Amino acid sequence: MSRLDFTSHRLCVDAALHQGAQVELTREQANYLVNVLRLGQGARLLAFNGRDGEWRAALEPQGKKSVFLRLEERTRAQEGPPDLDYIFAPLKHARLDYMAQKAVEMGARRLRPALTRRTQASRVNLDRMRANVVEAAEQCGLLALAEVLPEERLEAILSDWPQDRLLIFCDEAAEIADPLAALRAAGAGFAKFAVLIGPEGGFDDSERALLARVAPVARLSLGPRVLRADTAAVAALALVQAALGDWRG
């Protein structure tokens, strides 16, 4: 079969996966498959849990409420994204959903909400963000599930920054230059990275002073146009994956 099967429904489950295992679905999953999609006994789909790869499975309704998956064969071995943190100032509602989904699609391993002086939203619905992670993984054929960390003040995240992780700071005040070349030069010798996207109003002077003291750090320009935070997220992660991540083959 092809490496990626986009013709089959994919389902993220919270259970160990191995040949012959029976996995009971949640009520919401069962309702969606049986009552919405009208799938019946023996229907084939793909299951993954972020740990044990992807498996071909058969649907087995049992009684009126219980629905199980019977695992048949593994279609793909487990693999993970590069060691890439995505640190961002939370946005509101739909735009935050979009940002989380796109960061997962772009290969972020961890999502880290950072509260800044100009952050629009002071609280983050972590369960909703995790649901966005699962949805993006199901729809895009991903095997790994990005970790969602609780929100922290930016100062706390940057304190005692690890020396083996390059912080890539997207700065509208940085000199406009070839971003791929700048990233390749700054990222030489590193295997761990973090991309930081600030709030819509930008970082204030105290936060900029703090970022100037962090090491190792790379200031990155995203070109001559001012981008909204969710757009900047996609642009920055694409550049990092192209220059330093798994887009290089």
Protein backbone atom coordinates (compact mmCIF):
# COMPACT_ATOMS: atom_id res chain seq x y z
CA MET A 1 0.00 0.00 0.00
CA SER A 2 1.08 3.63 -0.38
CA ARG A 3 2.96 5.32 2.44
CA LEU A 4 -0.04 7.51 3.27
CA ASP A 5 -3.62 6.31 2.94
CA PHE A 6 -5.97 9.30 2.74
CA THR A 7 -8.96 7.27 1.57
CA SER A 8 -9.54 5.63 4.98
CA HIS A 9 -10.90 7.30 8.08
CA ARG A 10 -8.20 7.77 10.75
CA LEU A 11 -8.90 7.65 14.46
CA CYS A 12 -6.72 8.57 17.43
CA VAL A 13 -7.29 6.20 20.35
CA ASP A 14 -5.90 6.10 23.88
CA ALA A 15 -4.91 2.46 24.15
CA ALA A 16 -1.94 0.22 23.44
CA LEU A 17 -1.98 -1.00 19.84
CA HIS A 18 -0.84 -4.44 18.70
CA GLN A 19 -2.02 -7.13 16.34
CA GLY A 20 -5.30 -8.71 17.43
CA ALA A 21 -6.01 -6.12 20.12
CA GLN A 22 -9.56 -4.94 20.70
CA VAL A 23 -9.90 -1.25 21.48
CA GLU A 24 -13.14 0.17 22.82
CA LEU A 25 -14.04 3.55 21.36
CA THR A 26 -15.34 6.52 23.30
CA ARG A 27 -19.03 7.34 23.08
CA GLU A 28 -18.29 10.31 20.84
CA GLN A 29 -16.11 8.26 18.48
CA ALA A 30 -18.67 5.46 18.31
CA ASN A 31 -21.49 7.87 17.58
CA TYR A 32 -19.54 9.58 14.82
CA LEU A 33 -18.56 6.36 13.06
CA VAL A 34 -21.83 4.45 13.42
CA ASN A 35 -24.51 7.15 13.43
CA VAL A 36 -22.92 9.95 11.41
CA LEU A 37 -20.76 8.09 8.90
CA ARG A 38 -23.06 5.02 8.95
CA LEU A 39 -20.16 2.58 9.11
CA GLY A 40 -21.10 -0.98 9.92
CA GLN A 41 -19.59 -4.28 11.03
CA GLY A 42 -16.21 -4.92 9.45
CA ALA A 43 -15.67 -1.40 8.09
CA ARG A 44 -11.94 -0.72 7.69
CA LEU A 45 -10.19 2.32 9.09
CA LEU A 46 -6.81 3.38 10.50
CA ALA A 47 -5.98 3.78 14.18
CA PHE A 48 -3.01 5.40 15.94
CA ASN A 49 -2.17 6.58 19.46
CA GLY A 50 1.02 8.63 19.03
CA ARG A 51 3.18 5.77 20.33
CA ASP A 52 2.67 2.49 18.47
CA GLY A 53 2.48 3.47 14.83
CA GLU A 54 -0.56 3.24 12.57
CA TRP A 55 -2.78 0.15 12.32
CA ARG A 56 -5.40 -1.15 9.95
CA ALA A 57 -8.49 -1.97 12.01
CA ALA A 58 -11.99 -3.37 11.55
CA LEU A 59 -15.07 -1.89 13.17
CA GLU A 60 -16.96 -4.20 15.53
CA PRO A 61 -20.16 -2.82 17.09
CA GLN A 62 -21.21 -4.88 20.13
CA GLY A 63 -24.69 -4.23 21.43
CA LYS A 64 -26.39 -0.88 21.19
CA LYS A 65 -23.71 1.31 22.74
CA SER A 66 -20.31 -0.40 22.65
CA VAL A 67 -18.12 -0.19 19.55
CA PHE A 68 -14.67 -1.76 19.27
CA LEU A 69 -11.81 -1.75 16.82
CA ARG A 70 -10.06 -5.03 16.08
CA LEU A 71 -6.48 -4.38 15.00
CA GLU A 72 -5.31 -6.37 11.99
CA GLU A 73 -1.90 -5.17 10.79
CA ARG A 74 0.47 -2.28 11.27
CA THR A 75 0.63 -0.04 8.22
CA ARG A 76 3.34 2.38 9.43
CA ALA A 77 5.94 2.24 12.17
CA GLN A 78 6.02 5.03 14.74
CA GLU A 79 8.01 8.11 13.85
CA GLY A 80 8.26 11.52 15.45
CA PRO A 81 8.73 15.11 14.36
CA PRO A 82 11.99 17.01 14.91
CA ASP A 83 12.65 18.38 18.39
CA LEU A 84 10.87 21.66 17.74
CA ASP A 85 9.02 23.73 20.34
CA TYR A 86 6.46 26.28 19.24
CA ILE A 87 6.18 29.12 21.77
CA PHE A 88 3.40 31.62 21.12
CA ALA A 89 1.33 34.36 22.68
CA PRO A 90 -2.26 33.03 22.83
CA LEU A 91 -4.88 34.50 20.53
CA LYS A 92 -8.64 34.38 20.83
CA HIS A 93 -10.90 31.47 19.91
CA ALA A 94 -10.93 30.55 16.22
CA ARG A 95 -7.54 32.06 15.40
CA LEU A 96 -5.94 30.13 18.25
CA ASP A 97 -7.56 26.93 16.95
CA TYR A 98 -6.10 27.65 13.52
CA MET A 99 -2.66 28.41 14.95
CA ALA A 100 -2.56 25.20 16.98
CA GLN A 101 -3.66 23.03 14.06
CA LYS A 102 -1.17 24.57 11.65
CA ALA A 103 1.71 24.27 14.12
CA VAL A 104 0.96 20.56 14.46
CA GLU A 105 0.75 20.14 10.69
CA MET A 106 4.11 21.90 10.37
CA GLY A 107 5.77 19.42 12.72
CA ALA A 108 5.92 21.12 16.11
CA ARG A 109 6.57 18.61 18.89
CA ARG A 110 5.44 20.84 21.77
CA LEU A 111 2.99 23.76 21.96
CA ARG A 112 3.93 26.25 24.69
CA PRO A 113 1.59 29.20 25.32
CA ALA A 114 3.52 32.25 26.56
CA LEU A 115 1.81 35.11 28.41
CA THR A 116 3.34 38.45 27.44
CA ARG A 117 2.58 42.03 28.42
CA ARG A 118 0.38 42.44 25.32
CA THR A 119 -1.15 38.95 25.10
CA GLN A 120 -4.79 39.10 24.00
CA ALA A 121 -6.01 36.09 26.02
CA SER A 122 -4.82 35.43 29.57
CA ARG A 123 -6.27 31.92 29.80
CA VAL A 124 -5.85 29.02 27.41
CA ASN A 125 -8.34 26.17 27.06
CA LEU A 126 -5.80 23.34 27.08
CA ASP A 127 -8.40 20.63 26.44
CA ARG A 128 -9.56 22.47 23.34
CA MET A 129 -5.98 22.85 22.16
CA ARG A 130 -5.36 19.12 22.66
CA ALA A 131 -8.50 18.40 20.65
CA ASN A 132 -7.07 20.55 17.87
CA VAL A 133 -3.83 18.57 18.04
CA VAL A 134 -5.74 15.29 17.65
CA GLU A 135 -7.89 16.64 14.81
CA ALA A 136 -4.86 17.87 12.87
CA ALA A 137 -3.04 14.55 13.36
CA GLU A 138 -6.08 12.53 12.25
CA GLN A 139 -6.67 14.60 9.13
CA CYS A 140 -3.06 14.97 7.99
CA GLY A 141 -1.75 11.44 8.43
CA LEU A 142 0.52 12.30 11.36
CA LEU A 143 1.65 9.60 13.76
CA ALA A 144 2.96 11.78 16.61
CA LEU A 145 0.79 13.89 18.90
CA ALA A 146 2.24 17.24 19.89
CA GLU A 147 2.47 17.84 23.63
CA VAL A 148 0.44 20.78 24.93
CA LEU A 149 2.05 22.56 27.89
CA PRO A 150 0.27 24.88 30.34
CA GLU A 151 0.59 28.60 29.77
CA GLU A 152 3.53 30.36 31.44
CA ARG A 153 4.81 33.90 31.64
CA LEU A 154 7.36 34.58 28.93
CA GLU A 155 9.90 35.51 31.62
CA ALA A 156 9.54 32.05 33.20
CA ILE A 157 9.99 30.27 29.87
CA LEU A 158 13.13 32.22 29.03
CA SER A 159 14.74 31.93 32.47
CA ASP A 160 17.61 29.45 32.48
CA TRP A 161 17.17 28.75 28.76
CA PRO A 162 18.83 25.42 27.76
CA GLN A 163 22.10 25.86 25.91
CA ASP A 164 21.40 23.01 23.49
CA ARG A 165 18.15 24.51 22.10
CA LEU A 166 18.31 27.38 19.61
CA LEU A 167 15.60 29.97 20.20
CA ILE A 168 14.42 31.46 16.91
CA PHE A 169 12.84 34.80 17.72
CA CYS A 170 10.65 36.23 14.97
CA ASP A 171 11.36 39.95 15.17
CA GLU A 172 9.76 42.53 12.90
CA ALA A 173 12.65 44.87 13.81
CA ALA A 174 15.32 42.45 12.55
CA GLU A 175 17.25 43.38 9.45
CA ILE A 176 15.58 41.96 6.34
CA ALA A 177 17.84 39.29 4.88
CA ASP A 178 17.67 35.85 3.30
CA PRO A 179 15.85 33.94 6.10
CA LEU A 180 16.91 30.47 4.94
CA ALA A 181 20.57 31.45 4.84
CA ALA A 182 20.28 33.12 8.24
CA LEU A 183 18.69 30.04 9.77
CA ARG A 184 21.25 27.65 8.30
CA ALA A 185 24.08 29.76 9.71
CA ALA A 186 22.51 30.17 13.15
CA GLY A 187 21.34 26.56 13.42
CA ALA A 188 24.60 24.84 12.54
CA GLY A 189 25.41 22.28 15.22
CA PHE A 190 21.97 22.32 16.86
CA ALA A 191 19.43 19.48 16.89
CA LYS A 192 16.85 21.17 19.15
CA PHE A 193 14.96 24.32 18.23
CA ALA A 194 12.20 26.62 19.45
CA VAL A 195 10.23 29.17 17.44
CA LEU A 196 8.85 32.16 19.34
CA ILE A 197 5.96 34.21 17.94
CA GLY A 198 4.88 37.27 19.90
CA PRO A 199 1.48 38.88 20.39
CA GLU A 200 -0.36 41.03 17.85
CA GLY A 201 0.96 44.20 19.48
CA GLY A 202 4.54 42.94 19.55
CA PHE A 203 6.89 42.57 22.49
CA ASP A 204 7.35 45.53 24.81
CA ASP A 205 10.76 47.04 25.58
CA SER A 206 11.36 44.98 28.73
CA GLU A 207 10.62 41.74 26.86
CA ARG A 208 12.93 42.75 24.04
CA ALA A 209 15.66 43.45 26.56
CA LEU A 210 15.09 40.01 28.07
CA LEU A 211 15.26 38.33 24.65
CA ALA A 212 18.51 40.15 23.92
CA ARG A 213 20.09 38.40 26.93
CA VAL A 214 18.96 34.88 25.98
CA ALA A 215 21.50 32.54 24.41
CA PRO A 216 21.56 30.80 22.05
CA VAL A 217 19.12 32.96 20.08
CA ALA A 218 18.58 33.89 16.43
CA ARG A 219 16.55 36.96 15.38
CA LEU A 220 14.61 36.21 12.23
CA SER A 221 12.94 38.58 9.79
CA LEU A 222 9.85 37.34 7.96
CA GLY A 223 10.19 39.88 5.20
CA PRO A 224 8.99 43.42 4.47
CA ARG A 225 5.32 42.83 5.30
CA VAL A 226 3.78 42.84 8.77
CA LEU A 227 2.10 39.48 9.37
CA ARG A 228 -0.66 38.56 11.75
CA ALA A 229 0.50 36.20 14.48
CA ASP A 230 -1.20 33.11 13.05
CA THR A 231 0.22 33.82 9.58
CA ALA A 232 3.67 34.42 11.04
CA ALA A 233 3.47 31.04 12.77
CA VAL A 234 3.03 29.16 9.50
CA ALA A 235 5.70 31.22 7.72
CA ALA A 236 8.28 30.80 10.49
CA LEU A 237 7.72 27.08 10.98
CA ALA A 238 7.95 26.50 7.22
CA LEU A 239 11.28 28.32 7.10
CA VAL A 240 12.66 26.39 10.07
CA GLN A 241 11.61 23.03 8.65
CA ALA A 242 13.10 23.91 5.26
CA ALA A 243 16.42 25.12 6.67
CA LEU A 244 16.91 22.96 9.77
CA GLY A 245 14.11 20.39 10.06
CA ASP A 246 12.75 17.34 8.30
CA TRP A 247 11.97 19.02 4.97
CA ARG A 248 15.62 18.52 4.04
CA GLY A 249 15.08 14.78 3.55
